[in-house]
Amino acid sequence: MTTNQTTIAPFKNEPFTDFTQEDNKKAMQEALAKVKQELGKEYPLHIGADKVTTEDKIVSINPGNIDQVIGRVSKATQELAERAMQTALSTFETWKKVPSRERAEYLLKAAELMRQRKHEFSAWMILESGKNWAEADADTAEAIDFMEFYAREAIRLSETNTHQPLTKLDGEDNRLTYIPLGVGVVIPPWNFPLAICAGMATAAVVSGNTVLVKPASTTPVIAHKFVALMEEIGLPAGVINYIPGSGAEVGDYLTTHPKTRFVSFTGSKEIGLRINRLAAETAEGQIWIKRVIAEMGGKDGIVVDETADLDAAAAAITASAFGFQGQKCSAGSRAVIVESVYDEIVEKVAELTKKLEIGLQDENYAAGPVIDENSYNKILEYIEIGKKEGRLVTGGGKAEGNGYYIQPTVFADVDGKARVMQEEIFGPVLAIAKAKDWKEAIATYNDTEFGLTGAFFSKDESRIETALQDMHCGNLYINRKCTGALVGVHPFGGFNMSGTDSKAGGYDYLLLFTQAKLTSRKL
């Protein structure tokens, strides 16, 4: 691939699609029809230039229609994982020498091709992960944004001393450059199966690393579509290797591998802590400390005081709690309301929640299925716990449909220490607590082991200033919902058990995939 030294326009977020426009609605319907014609296919592993088919398969199904098979994906073994590791190690020796701008151009080309096929990528997510049209469209837009943003960042960081200007010393030429780490394991989640998969993988490879992508077992097909796109635009074989498989077998094997240089993970607290623990052990032959880049979820909340716009607050609470069925690490699954407006907010939230219609995601219902049977059962168990810990306002059980449908559920009068206020449920369940005043509300918000997103609704500037200082989370929003971070606008990552605060989509993210090298030359 030849480098193009023309100026690249400043980064701009990919616009969301307005599906109230008839042309856009028709385009999505056509994309869904096209994808439905391709369901049930088999997908191989990608190890270098080789496509490897295994007898053992991961069967991906539609969570909204469990009789519909999305695809059958070959499942990697430890032996195949080792083969992928050796391929990535070999490829790294050449890929690390490719100029940053040339590496960046692969991402720009992939972003443009994904933009041309935006609805098709969204359609795969709608069917495989259970997103409605707007949620899937936002996921695809974010994937495009990550590639566009990280391409520009790679170029910026490669320009000598632009990121960290050094103090000049007469008689010496001193330079700080950022060099790649090596081979990394990329473990994306199922809830943003395109955006986070593409973001983590391309951030690593544009920095000069090679990667092994092990997607979530519930959404391996959309991950394959991304890997196939990178192959189509000409990314050299072996830079991205696709090896879906068991976390216990393949994930642990690669995490503990002496040649693994870093693990980039998004998922649950429990698995993130396990990866961190395994990666901390030094394997025989290992000559570095492995780097773990982890985003591990949250128990996010919205605080509302008596000066707030109550309609706006109620709308934000409902959207944050129930967008994509509450299956976002940023989902606002808690709300803490000062007592003087508490009853009014609870009533408004209940009214908005009852309006959420439940049904098939490809028919674009507001509320679709949760991801799989395990999540379905876990969420229903938490709903039963919530019935004992609070007052059921609306929802509270299964919903109709040939899939994993659960009613959007609201509990009020919940104590801050209750399990449904403390534990990540990852489903359409909202717990609301009452506070005597705004200070107590912030204290209740902070009483969690997590610290990812939060929101504060108030018209009082002095209170807002206090909230900005005291609410402890990685992404704090004032008078808006706590979901919907945009690349480059809201760098994303959290504190405490929410992960390593890696700030995806920010100007320091690529540094996590590099190491700084100072060179000093006597003149």
Protein backbone atom coordinates (compact mmCIF):
# COMPACT_ATOMS: atom_id res chain seq x y z
CA MET A 1 0.00 0.00 0.00
CA THR A 2 1.45 3.35 -1.00
CA THR A 3 1.44 6.22 1.41
CA ASN A 4 -0.49 9.36 0.60
CA GLN A 5 0.99 12.50 2.10
CA THR A 6 -2.07 14.67 1.46
CA THR A 7 -3.52 16.46 4.47
CA ILE A 8 -6.19 14.50 6.33
CA ALA A 9 -9.22 16.52 7.37
CA PRO A 10 -9.79 17.03 11.11
CA PHE A 11 -11.73 14.29 12.86
CA LYS A 12 -15.50 14.56 12.75
CA ASN A 13 -18.00 12.16 14.31
CA GLU A 14 -20.01 9.96 11.98
CA PRO A 15 -23.61 11.23 11.96
CA PHE A 16 -26.42 8.98 13.19
CA THR A 17 -29.10 7.89 10.76
CA ASP A 18 -32.55 9.47 11.03
CA PHE A 19 -34.90 6.54 10.59
CA THR A 20 -37.97 8.78 10.52
CA GLN A 21 -36.84 9.57 6.96
CA GLU A 22 -38.49 7.12 4.58
CA ASP A 23 -35.36 6.60 2.46
CA ASN A 24 -33.31 5.64 5.52
CA LYS A 25 -36.03 3.34 6.80
CA LYS A 26 -36.21 1.60 3.43
CA ALA A 27 -32.41 1.26 3.28
CA MET A 28 -32.34 -0.48 6.68
CA GLN A 29 -35.19 -2.80 5.69
CA GLU A 30 -33.29 -3.74 2.53
CA ALA A 31 -30.11 -4.38 4.55
CA LEU A 32 -32.02 -6.62 6.97
CA ALA A 33 -33.53 -8.56 4.08
CA LYS A 34 -30.08 -9.03 2.54
CA VAL A 35 -28.54 -10.22 5.80
CA LYS A 36 -31.41 -12.63 6.44
CA GLN A 37 -30.55 -14.33 3.16
CA GLU A 38 -27.06 -15.01 4.52
CA LEU A 39 -27.99 -16.46 7.90
CA GLY A 40 -26.75 -19.85 9.03
CA LYS A 41 -23.42 -19.79 7.18
CA GLU A 42 -20.21 -21.23 8.58
CA TYR A 43 -17.28 -18.96 9.43
CA PRO A 44 -13.64 -20.06 9.76
CA LEU A 45 -10.84 -18.92 12.01
CA HIS A 46 -8.38 -16.44 10.46
CA ILE A 47 -4.79 -17.37 11.29
CA GLY A 48 -2.52 -15.34 9.07
CA ALA A 49 -3.59 -15.99 5.50
CA ASP A 50 -5.14 -19.34 6.45
CA LYS A 51 -8.86 -19.92 6.92
CA VAL A 52 -9.18 -22.76 9.40
CA THR A 53 -12.39 -24.73 9.85
CA THR A 54 -12.90 -26.82 12.97
CA GLU A 55 -15.43 -29.51 13.72
CA ASP A 56 -16.41 -27.87 17.00
CA LYS A 57 -18.58 -24.79 16.37
CA ILE A 58 -19.95 -21.83 18.28
CA VAL A 59 -23.59 -21.53 17.22
CA SER A 60 -24.76 -17.91 17.27
CA ILE A 61 -28.51 -17.44 17.58
CA ASN A 62 -30.88 -14.49 17.40
CA PRO A 63 -31.81 -13.62 21.02
CA GLY A 64 -35.13 -12.23 19.81
CA ASN A 65 -36.04 -15.37 17.83
CA ILE A 66 -34.13 -18.29 19.29
CA ASP A 67 -35.05 -20.60 16.41
CA GLN A 68 -33.00 -18.45 14.03
CA VAL A 69 -29.31 -19.33 13.65
CA ILE A 70 -27.14 -16.34 12.75
CA GLY A 71 -24.07 -18.42 11.95
CA ARG A 72 -21.85 -21.32 12.94
CA VAL A 73 -18.35 -20.21 13.83
CA SER A 74 -15.32 -22.47 14.05
CA LYS A 75 -13.99 -22.77 17.58
CA ALA A 76 -10.29 -22.46 18.33
CA THR A 77 -8.35 -24.91 20.46
CA GLN A 78 -5.19 -24.23 22.44
CA GLU A 79 -3.17 -25.72 19.58
CA LEU A 80 -4.75 -23.31 17.10
CA ALA A 81 -4.32 -20.44 19.54
CA GLU A 82 -0.61 -21.26 19.70
CA ARG A 83 -0.45 -21.33 15.91
CA ALA A 84 -2.11 -17.89 15.82
CA MET A 85 0.36 -16.62 18.41
CA GLN A 86 3.34 -17.77 16.35
CA THR A 87 1.80 -16.18 13.25
CA ALA A 88 1.26 -12.88 15.07
CA LEU A 89 4.81 -12.94 16.44
CA SER A 90 6.25 -13.45 12.98
CA THR A 91 4.03 -10.77 11.42
CA PHE A 92 4.96 -8.29 14.14
CA GLU A 93 8.57 -8.27 12.95
CA THR A 94 7.50 -6.70 9.65
CA TRP A 95 4.37 -4.81 10.73
CA LYS A 96 6.20 -2.80 13.41
CA LYS A 97 8.43 -1.36 10.67
CA VAL A 98 5.54 -0.10 8.55
CA PRO A 99 5.37 3.72 8.80
CA SER A 100 2.63 5.03 11.06
CA ARG A 101 0.95 6.96 8.28
CA GLU A 102 0.74 3.86 6.13
CA ARG A 103 -0.75 1.88 9.01
CA ALA A 104 -3.23 4.71 9.54
CA GLU A 105 -4.32 4.62 5.92
CA TYR A 106 -5.57 1.05 6.34
CA LEU A 107 -7.90 2.29 9.07
CA LEU A 108 -9.13 5.21 6.97
CA LYS A 109 -9.84 2.86 4.07
CA ALA A 110 -11.69 0.43 6.36
CA ALA A 111 -13.74 3.26 7.85
CA GLU A 112 -14.79 4.42 4.39
CA LEU A 113 -15.80 0.91 3.32
CA MET A 114 -17.76 0.38 6.55
CA ARG A 115 -19.47 3.73 5.96
CA GLN A 116 -20.60 2.54 2.55
CA ARG A 117 -22.04 -0.63 4.12
CA LYS A 118 -23.23 0.95 7.35
CA HIS A 119 -26.74 -0.50 7.33
CA GLU A 120 -25.50 -3.97 6.51
CA PHE A 121 -23.17 -4.00 9.52
CA SER A 122 -25.99 -2.64 11.66
CA ALA A 123 -28.36 -5.32 10.37
CA TRP A 124 -25.99 -8.08 11.49
CA MET A 125 -25.90 -6.53 14.96
CA ILE A 126 -29.66 -6.12 15.10
CA LEU A 127 -30.11 -9.84 14.48
CA GLU A 128 -27.14 -11.18 16.45
CA SER A 129 -27.08 -8.93 19.53
CA GLY A 130 -30.70 -7.78 19.81
CA LYS A 131 -30.17 -4.05 19.25
CA ASN A 132 -32.90 -1.93 17.73
CA TRP A 133 -32.13 0.19 14.68
CA ALA A 134 -30.90 3.31 16.45
CA GLU A 135 -28.69 1.36 18.89
CA ALA A 136 -27.12 -0.66 16.07
CA ASP A 137 -26.63 2.43 13.92
CA ALA A 138 -24.86 4.17 16.81
CA ASP A 139 -22.63 1.11 17.30
CA THR A 140 -21.60 1.11 13.64
CA ALA A 141 -21.03 4.87 13.68
CA GLU A 142 -18.80 4.46 16.73
CA ALA A 143 -16.76 1.76 14.98
CA ILE A 144 -16.20 4.16 12.08
CA ASP A 145 -15.31 6.93 14.53
CA PHE A 146 -12.75 4.78 16.34
CA MET A 147 -10.95 3.96 13.10
CA GLU A 148 -11.00 7.55 11.87
CA PHE A 149 -9.86 8.91 15.23
CA TYR A 150 -7.11 6.38 15.92
CA ALA A 151 -5.73 6.76 12.39
CA ARG A 152 -5.24 10.46 13.00
CA GLU A 153 -3.79 9.82 16.46
CA ALA A 154 -1.21 7.38 15.09
CA ILE A 155 -0.03 10.00 12.64
CA ARG A 156 0.11 12.69 15.33
CA LEU A 157 2.12 10.53 17.73
CA SER A 158 4.57 9.60 14.99
CA GLU A 159 5.51 13.20 14.31
CA THR A 160 8.71 13.81 16.25
CA ASN A 161 8.24 15.52 19.60
CA THR A 162 4.76 16.82 18.83
CA HIS A 163 3.16 14.90 21.69
CA GLN A 164 5.82 15.65 24.28
CA PRO A 165 8.16 18.49 23.28
CA LEU A 166 11.53 18.01 24.93
CA THR A 167 13.69 20.67 26.51
CA LYS A 168 16.43 21.57 24.05
CA LEU A 169 20.04 20.96 24.99
CA ASP A 170 22.86 22.42 22.92
CA GLY A 171 25.01 19.78 21.27
CA GLU A 172 22.41 17.00 21.41
CA ASP A 173 19.53 15.79 19.26
CA ASN A 174 16.97 14.29 21.64
CA ARG A 175 13.80 12.61 20.48
CA LEU A 176 10.96 10.73 22.15
CA THR A 177 9.17 8.20 19.99
CA TYR A 178 6.43 5.68 20.68
CA ILE A 179 7.15 2.14 19.59
CA PRO A 180 4.75 -0.83 19.60
CA LEU A 181 4.62 -3.43 22.36
CA GLY A 182 4.27 -6.70 20.46
CA VAL A 183 1.47 -9.27 20.27
CA GLY A 184 -1.74 -8.52 22.13
CA VAL A 185 -4.90 -10.43 22.94
CA VAL A 186 -8.08 -8.47 22.21
CA ILE A 187 -11.21 -9.67 24.03
CA PRO A 188 -14.22 -7.53 23.05
CA PRO A 189 -17.70 -7.76 24.62
CA TRP A 190 -21.02 -8.77 23.11
CA ASN A 191 -22.87 -5.55 23.96
CA PHE A 192 -20.87 -3.37 21.53
CA PRO A 193 -19.74 -6.21 19.29
CA LEU A 194 -18.61 -4.02 16.39
CA ALA A 195 -17.57 -0.67 17.92
CA ILE A 196 -15.49 -1.99 20.80
CA CYS A 197 -14.10 -4.91 18.78
CA ALA A 198 -13.01 -2.55 16.00
CA GLY A 199 -11.83 0.11 18.45
CA MET A 200 -9.63 -2.14 20.56
CA ALA A 201 -8.22 -4.06 17.61
CA THR A 202 -7.45 -1.08 15.38
CA ALA A 203 -5.97 0.99 18.22
CA ALA A 204 -3.50 -1.82 18.80
CA VAL A 205 -2.60 -2.47 15.16
CA VAL A 206 -2.32 1.17 14.08
CA SER A 207 0.21 1.51 16.90
CA GLY A 208 2.28 -1.22 15.25
CA ASN A 209 1.18 -4.28 17.23
CA THR A 210 -0.34 -7.51 15.96
CA VAL A 211 -3.36 -9.03 17.68
CA LEU A 212 -5.36 -12.16 18.37
CA VAL A 213 -9.08 -11.29 18.49
CA LYS A 214 -11.19 -13.57 20.67
CA PRO A 215 -14.77 -12.30 20.36
CA ALA A 216 -17.62 -12.99 22.76
CA SER A 217 -19.28 -16.34 22.08
CA THR A 218 -22.71 -14.73 21.69
CA THR A 219 -21.63 -12.31 18.93
CA PRO A 220 -18.83 -13.95 16.91
CA VAL A 221 -20.37 -13.34 13.47
CA ILE A 222 -20.27 -9.53 13.57
CA ALA A 223 -16.66 -9.77 14.78
CA HIS A 224 -15.90 -11.99 11.78
CA LYS A 225 -17.49 -9.42 9.47
CA PHE A 226 -15.11 -6.79 10.86
CA VAL A 227 -12.05 -9.04 10.45
CA ALA A 228 -13.15 -9.88 6.89
CA LEU A 229 -13.48 -6.16 6.14
CA MET A 230 -9.91 -5.56 7.32
CA GLU A 231 -8.73 -8.36 5.05
CA GLU A 232 -10.71 -6.90 2.14
CA ILE A 233 -9.03 -3.49 2.41
CA GLY A 234 -5.63 -5.17 2.17
CA LEU A 235 -4.41 -5.30 5.77
CA PRO A 236 -1.47 -7.74 5.70
CA ALA A 237 -2.32 -11.28 6.79
CA GLY A 238 -1.39 -12.01 10.39
CA VAL A 239 -1.85 -8.47 11.70
CA ILE A 240 -5.34 -9.35 12.96
CA ASN A 241 -6.00 -13.02 13.71
CA TYR A 242 -9.52 -14.21 14.50
CA ILE A 243 -9.74 -17.00 17.04
CA PRO A 244 -13.12 -17.35 18.76
CA GLY A 245 -13.12 -19.95 21.50
CA SER A 246 -13.70 -20.77 25.13
CA GLY A 247 -12.51 -18.22 27.67
CA ALA A 248 -11.40 -20.97 30.03
CA GLU A 249 -9.47 -22.81 27.32
CA VAL A 250 -8.26 -20.23 24.80
CA GLY A 251 -8.61 -17.00 26.80
CA ASP A 252 -6.67 -18.22 29.83
CA TYR A 253 -4.06 -19.88 27.64
CA LEU A 254 -3.29 -16.68 25.78
CA THR A 255 -3.48 -14.47 28.87
CA THR A 256 -0.80 -16.58 30.56
CA HIS A 257 1.30 -17.03 27.41
CA PRO A 258 4.90 -15.79 27.83
CA LYS A 259 4.81 -14.05 24.44
CA THR A 260 1.60 -12.11 25.14
CA ARG A 261 2.63 -8.49 25.62
CA PHE A 262 -0.77 -7.01 26.49
CA VAL A 263 -4.40 -7.97 27.00
CA SER A 264 -7.11 -5.52 25.96
CA PHE A 265 -10.41 -6.53 27.55
CA THR A 266 -13.94 -5.20 27.89
CA GLY A 267 -16.44 -7.17 29.94
CA SER A 268 -17.48 -8.09 33.45
CA LYS A 269 -15.68 -7.21 36.66
CA GLU A 270 -15.20 -10.89 37.51
CA ILE A 271 -13.52 -11.82 34.22
CA GLY A 272 -11.51 -8.59 34.17
CA LEU A 273 -10.11 -9.31 37.62
CA ARG A 274 -9.32 -12.87 36.56
CA ILE A 275 -7.41 -11.63 33.51
CA ASN A 276 -5.53 -9.12 35.64
CA ARG A 277 -4.56 -11.82 38.14
CA LEU A 278 -3.44 -14.30 35.47
CA ALA A 279 -1.53 -11.65 33.53
CA ALA A 280 0.32 -10.59 36.68
CA GLU A 281 1.95 -14.01 37.00
CA THR A 282 5.28 -14.17 35.15
CA ALA A 283 5.44 -17.19 32.85
CA GLU A 284 8.68 -19.02 32.15
CA GLY A 285 10.50 -17.24 29.34
CA GLN A 286 8.54 -14.01 29.79
CA ILE A 287 10.79 -10.92 29.70
CA TRP A 288 8.26 -8.13 30.34
CA ILE A 289 5.45 -7.11 32.63
CA LYS A 290 2.23 -7.67 30.72
CA ARG A 291 -0.03 -4.70 30.29
CA VAL A 292 -3.75 -5.07 30.99
CA ILE A 293 -6.15 -2.54 29.49
CA ALA A 294 -9.53 -3.28 31.03
CA GLU A 295 -13.00 -1.76 31.02
CA MET A 296 -15.14 -3.78 33.41
CA GLY A 297 -18.59 -2.31 33.68
CA GLY A 298 -20.37 -0.28 36.31
CA LYS A 299 -23.33 0.47 38.53
CA ASP A 300 -24.00 3.88 37.11
CA GLY A 301 -26.48 6.37 38.43
CA ILE A 302 -28.29 9.65 37.97
CA VAL A 303 -28.71 12.15 40.81
CA VAL A 304 -31.59 14.65 40.68
CA ASP A 305 -32.07 17.61 43.01
CA GLU A 306 -35.20 19.73 43.55
CA THR A 307 -34.04 22.54 41.22
CA ALA A 308 -33.75 20.27 38.19
CA ASP A 309 -35.86 20.15 35.05
CA LEU A 310 -37.89 17.12 36.17
CA ASP A 311 -39.18 16.16 32.73
CA ALA A 312 -35.65 16.19 31.30
CA ALA A 313 -34.36 14.22 34.29
CA ALA A 314 -37.07 11.57 34.01
CA ALA A 315 -36.45 11.19 30.27
CA ALA A 316 -32.70 10.83 30.87
CA ILE A 317 -33.21 8.28 33.66
CA THR A 318 -35.48 6.17 31.44
CA ALA A 319 -33.23 6.36 28.40
CA SER A 320 -30.10 5.58 30.44
CA ALA A 321 -31.72 2.65 32.22
CA PHE A 322 -33.46 0.95 29.31
CA GLY A 323 -31.51 1.78 26.14
CA PHE A 324 -30.47 -1.60 24.67
CA GLN A 325 -32.33 -3.25 27.54
CA GLY A 326 -29.89 -1.84 30.11
CA GLN A 327 -27.06 -3.90 28.64
CA LYS A 328 -24.47 -1.14 28.57
CA CYS A 329 -21.63 -0.72 31.02
CA SER A 330 -22.71 2.94 31.09
CA ALA A 331 -26.39 2.15 31.75
CA GLY A 332 -27.98 4.24 34.49
CA SER A 333 -29.33 1.39 36.58
CA ARG A 334 -29.64 3.58 39.69
CA ALA A 335 -31.33 6.90 40.35
CA VAL A 336 -31.05 8.92 43.56
CA ILE A 337 -33.69 11.64 43.98
CA VAL A 338 -34.08 14.28 46.67
CA GLU A 339 -37.26 13.70 48.67
CA SER A 340 -39.12 16.89 47.75
CA VAL A 341 -39.36 15.82 44.07
CA TYR A 342 -39.00 12.07 44.58
CA ASP A 343 -42.63 11.03 44.07
CA GLU A 344 -42.96 13.20 40.99
CA ILE A 345 -39.83 11.75 39.36
CA VAL A 346 -40.88 8.17 40.16
CA GLU A 347 -44.26 8.81 38.57
CA LYS A 348 -42.75 10.37 35.46
CA VAL A 349 -40.21 7.56 35.03
CA ALA A 350 -42.92 4.93 35.48
CA GLU A 351 -45.08 6.63 32.87
CA LEU A 352 -42.24 6.76 30.33
CA THR A 353 -41.18 3.17 31.04
CA LYS A 354 -44.71 1.83 30.49
CA LYS A 355 -44.66 3.37 27.01
CA LEU A 356 -41.67 1.24 25.92
CA GLU A 357 -43.06 -1.34 23.54
CA ILE A 358 -41.43 -4.78 23.57
CA GLY A 359 -40.84 -6.85 20.45
CA LEU A 360 -38.54 -8.05 17.70
CA GLN A 361 -35.49 -5.88 17.25
CA ASP A 362 -35.55 -6.12 13.45
CA GLU A 363 -39.03 -4.57 13.61
CA ASN A 364 -37.44 -1.75 15.60
CA TYR A 365 -39.30 -2.03 18.88
CA ALA A 366 -38.01 0.21 21.67
CA ALA A 367 -37.33 -2.76 23.96
CA GLY A 368 -35.90 -5.98 22.57
CA PRO A 369 -34.44 -9.16 24.04
CA VAL A 370 -31.53 -9.58 26.43
CA ILE A 371 -28.53 -11.39 25.00
CA ASP A 372 -28.89 -15.04 26.08
CA GLU A 373 -30.45 -17.53 28.46
CA ASN A 374 -27.84 -17.03 31.18
CA SER A 375 -28.44 -13.28 31.24
CA TYR A 376 -32.20 -13.82 31.06
CA ASN A 377 -32.21 -16.08 34.11
CA LYS A 378 -29.81 -13.88 36.07
CA ILE A 379 -31.89 -10.74 35.44
CA LEU A 380 -35.12 -12.49 36.43
CA GLU A 381 -33.43 -13.60 39.66
CA TYR A 382 -32.46 -10.00 40.40
CA ILE A 383 -36.02 -8.88 39.74
CA GLU A 384 -37.22 -11.29 42.43
CA ILE A 385 -34.56 -9.89 44.78
CA GLY A 386 -35.75 -6.38 43.92
CA LYS A 387 -39.33 -7.26 44.87
CA LYS A 388 -38.07 -7.93 48.40
CA GLU A 389 -35.79 -4.88 48.53
CA GLY A 390 -38.08 -2.21 47.11
CA ARG A 391 -41.52 -1.31 45.78
CA LEU A 392 -42.26 -2.64 42.29
CA VAL A 393 -43.49 0.30 40.24
CA THR A 394 -43.74 -1.27 36.80
CA GLY A 395 -42.59 -4.39 34.94
CA GLY A 396 -41.35 -7.21 37.11
CA GLY A 397 -41.22 -10.29 34.95
CA LYS A 398 -40.95 -12.03 31.61
CA ALA A 399 -42.35 -10.54 28.43
CA GLU A 400 -43.92 -12.38 25.53
CA GLY A 401 -41.96 -13.51 22.49
CA ASN A 402 -39.86 -16.35 21.16
CA GLY A 403 -36.72 -14.98 22.75
CA TYR A 404 -35.21 -13.59 25.91
CA TYR A 405 -37.69 -10.79 26.57
CA ILE A 406 -38.00 -9.10 29.97
CA GLN A 407 -40.29 -6.25 30.96
CA PRO A 408 -38.50 -2.96 31.68
CA THR A 409 -38.67 -2.94 35.46
CA VAL A 410 -38.60 -0.08 37.98
CA PHE A 411 -38.20 -0.44 41.74
CA ALA A 412 -38.69 2.52 44.07
CA ASP A 413 -37.96 3.06 47.78
CA VAL A 414 -34.74 1.06 47.54
CA ASP A 415 -32.06 1.41 50.21
CA GLY A 416 -28.63 2.48 48.98
CA LYS A 417 -27.11 -0.71 50.38
CA ALA A 418 -29.61 -3.02 48.66
CA ARG A 419 -28.26 -5.57 46.21
CA VAL A 420 -30.16 -4.06 43.28
CA MET A 421 -28.47 -0.75 44.10
CA GLN A 422 -24.99 -2.23 44.51
CA GLU A 423 -24.62 -5.13 42.05
CA GLU A 424 -24.36 -4.91 38.28
CA ILE A 425 -27.47 -6.55 36.82
CA PHE A 426 -26.86 -5.73 33.15
CA GLY A 427 -30.51 -5.79 32.20
CA PRO A 428 -33.66 -3.65 32.08
CA VAL A 429 -33.87 -3.05 35.83
CA LEU A 430 -33.83 0.39 37.48
CA ALA A 431 -33.58 0.97 41.24
CA ILE A 432 -34.59 4.35 42.66
CA ALA A 433 -33.55 5.63 46.10
CA LYS A 434 -34.67 8.68 48.07
CA ALA A 435 -32.27 11.18 49.64
CA LYS A 436 -33.01 13.92 52.18
CA ASP A 437 -30.97 16.43 50.17
CA TRP A 438 -28.57 16.75 47.22
CA LYS A 439 -25.49 16.11 49.36
CA GLU A 440 -26.88 12.83 50.66
CA ALA A 441 -27.85 11.94 47.08
CA ILE A 442 -24.26 12.38 45.90
CA ALA A 443 -23.01 10.34 48.86
CA THR A 444 -25.43 7.53 47.94
CA TYR A 445 -24.27 7.72 44.32
CA ASN A 446 -20.63 7.39 45.42
CA ASP A 447 -21.37 4.39 47.65
CA THR A 448 -20.37 1.75 45.10
CA GLU A 449 -17.31 -0.25 44.13
CA PHE A 450 -17.72 0.96 40.55
CA GLY A 451 -17.06 4.36 38.99
CA LEU A 452 -17.81 4.47 35.29
CA THR A 453 -20.56 6.97 34.40
CA GLY A 454 -22.88 9.26 36.29
CA ALA A 455 -25.14 12.25 35.78
CA PHE A 456 -26.25 15.15 37.95
CA PHE A 457 -29.43 17.13 37.28
CA SER A 458 -29.61 20.57 38.84
CA LYS A 459 -29.98 24.27 37.96
CA ASP A 460 -27.88 25.38 40.92
CA GLU A 461 -24.38 26.27 39.71
CA SER A 462 -22.74 25.90 43.12
CA ARG A 463 -24.19 22.41 43.50
CA ILE A 464 -23.07 21.52 39.99
CA GLU A 465 -19.53 22.66 40.85
CA THR A 466 -19.58 20.42 43.93
CA ALA A 467 -20.89 17.48 41.90
CA LEU A 468 -18.14 17.97 39.32
CA GLN A 469 -15.59 17.66 42.10
CA ASP A 470 -17.19 15.02 44.30
CA MET A 471 -19.04 12.52 42.09
CA HIS A 472 -16.40 9.84 41.59
CA CYS A 473 -16.59 8.35 38.11
CA GLY A 474 -14.71 8.40 34.84
CA ASN A 475 -17.47 10.06 32.80
CA LEU A 476 -19.70 12.56 34.59
CA TYR A 477 -22.51 14.32 32.72
CA ILE A 478 -24.48 17.36 33.84
CA ASN A 479 -28.17 17.66 32.92
CA ARG A 480 -28.04 14.86 30.35
CA LYS A 481 -28.19 11.07 30.27
CA CYS A 482 -25.19 9.00 31.39
CA THR A 483 -25.00 6.89 28.21
CA GLY A 484 -23.98 7.79 24.66
CA ALA A 485 -20.29 8.73 24.85
CA LEU A 486 -18.92 9.96 21.52
CA VAL A 487 -15.39 9.22 20.28
CA GLY A 488 -13.16 12.25 20.63
CA VAL A 489 -15.87 14.13 22.52
CA HIS A 490 -16.27 11.98 25.64
CA PRO A 491 -13.15 9.78 26.11
CA PHE A 492 -14.55 6.73 27.89
CA GLY A 493 -13.31 4.73 30.88
CA GLY A 494 -13.86 4.48 34.61
CA PHE A 495 -12.44 4.20 38.09
CA ASN A 496 -12.31 1.53 40.80
CA MET A 497 -13.85 -1.79 39.71
CA SER A 498 -14.91 -0.20 36.43
CA GLY A 499 -11.44 -0.82 35.04
CA THR A 500 -8.16 0.87 34.30
CA ASP A 501 -9.69 4.17 33.15
CA SER A 502 -8.29 3.56 29.70
CA LYS A 503 -10.22 6.42 28.05
CA ALA A 504 -11.12 4.84 24.71
CA GLY A 505 -11.63 7.47 22.05
CA GLY A 506 -9.29 9.89 23.79
CA TYR A 507 -5.95 11.47 22.96
CA ASP A 508 -3.94 9.27 25.32
CA TYR A 509 -5.49 5.91 24.42
CA LEU A 510 -2.92 4.80 21.84
CA LEU A 511 -0.15 5.33 24.39
CA LEU A 512 -1.49 2.24 26.17
CA PHE A 513 -0.40 0.17 23.16
CA THR A 514 3.05 1.69 22.90
CA GLN A 515 6.20 2.26 24.92
CA ALA A 516 8.16 5.49 24.91
CA LYS A 517 11.72 5.38 23.64
CA LEU A 518 14.12 8.27 24.16
CA THR A 519 17.03 8.58 21.74
CA SER A 520 19.85 11.02 22.40
CA ARG A 521 22.53 11.75 19.82
CA LYS A 522 25.67 13.80 20.40
CA LEU A 523 26.07 16.37 17.65
